[in-house]
Structure formats: C-alpha cells, structure tokens
Amino acid sequence: MILKRETFDKFLKKFGAKRVSPEAAEYLAKYIEEKAILLLKEAKVCAEHAKRSTVLQEDIRLARKNLNL
C-alpha cells in the first residue's frame, strides 16, 4: 500500500466514516490506489500523445473520460 494507514484513516474520518474495520479500510485503500494508478497511466499516455512529458489537468480529464471514471 502506497498510502500510510494513518493518512488513510484521516481521509475516511474526514468524509464521515467514523468506524471502519481494518479489513474494509485496507480493501478500500487498495481499490483507490488501483484506480489512481490506472488513471495516471492513462493520463501519461494522453500527455505523450500530445508530445509532452508533463501530465496536465487536461490529460487527467481526458484519461477519466477514456476510462469512464
């Protein structure tokens, strides 16, 4: 897991999840990481297609559209 457990617990609490089992928190963290990695890989492809090495906000938007996220 890339995210630290304490950081993710703060994230959960901030959005109203006061009590979450460790298993559920770990599952959700892994799911979010998988989606973020998928999105970043697609955004990188979009940037490269535009002949850039820097990923811009527009690349992330296009990647979300391409991936239906």
N, C-alpha and C. Protein backbone atom coordinates (compact mmCIF):
# COMPACT_ATOMS: atom_id res chain seq x y z
N MET A 1 0.84 -1.18 0.00
CA MET A 1 0.00 0.00 0.00
C MET A 1 0.89 1.25 0.00
N ILE A 2 0.61 2.16 -0.90
CA ILE A 2 1.40 3.39 -1.00
C ILE A 2 1.01 4.38 0.10
N LEU A 3 -0.30 4.50 0.32
CA LEU A 3 -0.78 5.42 1.35
C LEU A 3 -0.49 4.85 2.74
N LYS A 4 -0.08 5.72 3.65
CA LYS A 4 0.12 5.29 5.02
C LYS A 4 -1.24 5.07 5.67
N ARG A 5 -1.31 4.10 6.53
CA ARG A 5 -2.57 3.75 7.18
C ARG A 5 -3.17 4.94 7.93
N GLU A 6 -2.34 5.68 8.66
CA GLU A 6 -2.82 6.83 9.44
C GLU A 6 -3.41 7.90 8.52
N THR A 7 -2.77 8.12 7.40
CA THR A 7 -3.26 9.11 6.44
C THR A 7 -4.61 8.69 5.89
N PHE A 8 -4.73 7.42 5.56
CA PHE A 8 -5.99 6.93 5.00
C PHE A 8 -7.09 6.96 6.05
N ASP A 9 -6.78 6.66 7.30
CA ASP A 9 -7.77 6.73 8.37
C ASP A 9 -8.30 8.15 8.52
N LYS A 10 -7.41 9.16 8.42
CA LYS A 10 -7.84 10.56 8.47
C LYS A 10 -8.77 10.88 7.31
N PHE A 11 -8.44 10.36 6.14
CA PHE A 11 -9.26 10.55 4.95
C PHE A 11 -10.66 9.98 5.19
N LEU A 12 -10.75 8.78 5.72
CA LEU A 12 -12.04 8.15 5.98
C LEU A 12 -12.86 8.97 6.97
N LYS A 13 -12.23 9.41 8.05
CA LYS A 13 -12.93 10.18 9.07
C LYS A 13 -13.40 11.52 8.53
N LYS A 14 -12.58 12.14 7.69
CA LYS A 14 -12.94 13.44 7.12
C LYS A 14 -14.24 13.35 6.33
N PHE A 15 -14.46 12.21 5.70
CA PHE A 15 -15.66 12.05 4.88
C PHE A 15 -16.76 11.26 5.58
N GLY A 16 -16.69 11.21 6.91
CA GLY A 16 -17.80 10.71 7.70
C GLY A 16 -17.77 9.26 8.11
N ALA A 17 -16.75 8.51 7.76
CA ALA A 17 -16.67 7.10 8.15
C ALA A 17 -15.97 7.03 9.50
N LYS A 18 -16.74 7.06 10.57
CA LYS A 18 -16.16 7.09 11.91
C LYS A 18 -15.63 5.73 12.34
N ARG A 19 -16.30 4.68 11.92
CA ARG A 19 -15.86 3.34 12.29
C ARG A 19 -15.78 2.47 11.05
N VAL A 20 -14.58 2.03 10.73
CA VAL A 20 -14.35 1.17 9.57
C VAL A 20 -13.42 0.06 10.01
N SER A 21 -13.77 -1.17 9.68
CA SER A 21 -12.91 -2.29 10.07
C SER A 21 -11.57 -2.18 9.35
N PRO A 22 -10.51 -2.70 9.95
CA PRO A 22 -9.20 -2.65 9.29
C PRO A 22 -9.22 -3.32 7.91
N GLU A 23 -9.97 -4.41 7.79
CA GLU A 23 -10.05 -5.12 6.51
C GLU A 23 -10.73 -4.26 5.45
N ALA A 24 -11.82 -3.60 5.85
CA ALA A 24 -12.54 -2.74 4.90
C ALA A 24 -11.69 -1.54 4.49
N ALA A 25 -10.99 -0.96 5.44
CA ALA A 25 -10.12 0.19 5.14
C ALA A 25 -9.00 -0.22 4.19
N GLU A 26 -8.41 -1.37 4.43
CA GLU A 26 -7.33 -1.84 3.56
C GLU A 26 -7.85 -2.13 2.15
N TYR A 27 -9.02 -2.75 2.06
CA TYR A 27 -9.62 -3.06 0.76
C TYR A 27 -9.91 -1.78 -0.01
N LEU A 28 -10.49 -0.80 0.67
CA LEU A 28 -10.81 0.47 0.02
C LEU A 28 -9.54 1.20 -0.41
N ALA A 29 -8.52 1.19 0.43
CA ALA A 29 -7.25 1.85 0.09
C ALA A 29 -6.63 1.22 -1.14
N LYS A 30 -6.65 -0.11 -1.21
CA LYS A 30 -6.09 -0.80 -2.38
C LYS A 30 -6.89 -0.46 -3.63
N TYR A 31 -8.21 -0.42 -3.50
CA TYR A 31 -9.08 -0.09 -4.64
C TYR A 31 -8.77 1.32 -5.15
N ILE A 32 -8.67 2.27 -4.23
CA ILE A 32 -8.39 3.65 -4.62
C ILE A 32 -7.02 3.76 -5.28
N GLU A 33 -6.03 3.06 -4.73
CA GLU A 33 -4.70 3.08 -5.33
C GLU A 33 -4.71 2.49 -6.74
N GLU A 34 -5.43 1.39 -6.92
CA GLU A 34 -5.51 0.77 -8.25
C GLU A 34 -6.11 1.73 -9.26
N LYS A 35 -7.19 2.41 -8.87
CA LYS A 35 -7.84 3.37 -9.77
C LYS A 35 -6.93 4.56 -10.05
N ALA A 36 -6.22 5.05 -9.04
CA ALA A 36 -5.32 6.18 -9.22
C ALA A 36 -4.17 5.82 -10.17
N ILE A 37 -3.62 4.62 -10.00
CA ILE A 37 -2.54 4.17 -10.87
C ILE A 37 -3.03 4.04 -12.30
N LEU A 38 -4.20 3.45 -12.48
CA LEU A 38 -4.79 3.30 -13.81
C LEU A 38 -5.00 4.67 -14.45
N LEU A 39 -5.53 5.61 -13.69
CA LEU A 39 -5.78 6.97 -14.18
C LEU A 39 -4.47 7.66 -14.56
N LEU A 40 -3.47 7.54 -13.73
CA LEU A 40 -2.19 8.20 -14.02
C LEU A 40 -1.50 7.60 -15.24
N LYS A 41 -1.60 6.30 -15.40
CA LYS A 41 -1.01 5.67 -16.59
C LYS A 41 -1.69 6.17 -17.86
N GLU A 42 -3.01 6.26 -17.82
CA GLU A 42 -3.75 6.74 -18.99
C GLU A 42 -3.46 8.23 -19.24
N ALA A 43 -3.35 9.01 -18.17
CA ALA A 43 -3.02 10.44 -18.32
C ALA A 43 -1.64 10.61 -18.93
N LYS A 44 -0.71 9.74 -18.57
CA LYS A 44 0.63 9.80 -19.15
C LYS A 44 0.58 9.51 -20.64
N VAL A 45 -0.24 8.55 -21.04
CA VAL A 45 -0.42 8.25 -22.46
C VAL A 45 -0.98 9.47 -23.19
N CYS A 46 -1.95 10.14 -22.57
CA CYS A 46 -2.54 11.34 -23.17
C CYS A 46 -1.49 12.44 -23.34
N ALA A 47 -0.65 12.63 -22.33
CA ALA A 47 0.40 13.65 -22.41
C ALA A 47 1.40 13.29 -23.50
N GLU A 48 1.79 12.03 -23.57
CA GLU A 48 2.75 11.61 -24.59
C GLU A 48 2.16 11.77 -25.99
N HIS A 49 0.86 11.51 -26.13
CA HIS A 49 0.21 11.69 -27.42
C HIS A 49 0.27 13.15 -27.86
N ALA A 50 0.21 14.05 -26.88
CA ALA A 50 0.30 15.49 -27.17
C ALA A 50 1.76 15.96 -27.24
N LYS A 51 2.68 15.00 -27.25
CA LYS A 51 4.11 15.27 -27.35
C LYS A 51 4.64 16.09 -26.17
N ARG A 52 4.13 15.74 -24.99
CA ARG A 52 4.59 16.37 -23.75
C ARG A 52 5.05 15.29 -22.79
N SER A 53 5.95 15.66 -21.89
CA SER A 53 6.35 14.72 -20.84
C SER A 53 5.68 15.08 -19.51
N THR A 54 5.08 16.26 -19.46
CA THR A 54 4.39 16.71 -18.26
C THR A 54 2.90 16.39 -18.37
N VAL A 55 2.37 15.75 -17.35
CA VAL A 55 0.93 15.46 -17.30
C VAL A 55 0.21 16.71 -16.80
N LEU A 56 -0.75 17.16 -17.58
CA LEU A 56 -1.53 18.35 -17.22
C LEU A 56 -2.92 17.94 -16.77
N GLN A 57 -3.64 18.90 -16.21
CA GLN A 57 -5.00 18.65 -15.76
C GLN A 57 -5.87 18.13 -16.91
N GLU A 58 -5.68 18.69 -18.09
CA GLU A 58 -6.47 18.25 -19.25
C GLU A 58 -6.20 16.78 -19.58
N ASP A 59 -4.99 16.30 -19.32
CA ASP A 59 -4.67 14.89 -19.55
C ASP A 59 -5.44 14.01 -18.58
N ILE A 60 -5.54 14.46 -17.34
CA ILE A 60 -6.27 13.69 -16.34
C ILE A 60 -7.76 13.67 -16.68
N ARG A 61 -8.28 14.81 -17.11
CA ARG A 61 -9.69 14.86 -17.51
C ARG A 61 -9.97 13.91 -18.68
N LEU A 62 -9.10 13.94 -19.67
CA LEU A 62 -9.26 13.07 -20.83
C LEU A 62 -9.12 11.61 -20.42
N ALA A 63 -8.19 11.32 -19.54
CA ALA A 63 -7.99 9.95 -19.06
C ALA A 63 -9.24 9.46 -18.32
N ARG A 64 -9.83 10.33 -17.49
CA ARG A 64 -11.08 9.95 -16.80
C ARG A 64 -12.17 9.63 -17.80
N LYS A 65 -12.26 10.44 -18.83
CA LYS A 65 -13.27 10.21 -19.87
C LYS A 65 -13.00 8.90 -20.59
N ASN A 66 -11.75 8.65 -20.95
CA ASN A 66 -11.38 7.42 -21.66
C ASN A 66 -11.67 6.18 -20.82
N LEU A 67 -11.47 6.29 -19.51
CA LEU A 67 -11.64 5.14 -18.62
C LEU A 67 -13.04 5.07 -18.00
N ASN A 68 -13.88 6.04 -18.32
CA ASN A 68 -15.23 6.11 -17.74
C ASN A 68 -15.19 6.18 -16.21
N LEU A 69 -14.31 7.03 -15.69
CA LEU A 69 -14.21 7.19 -14.23
C LEU A 69 -14.89 8.47 -13.79
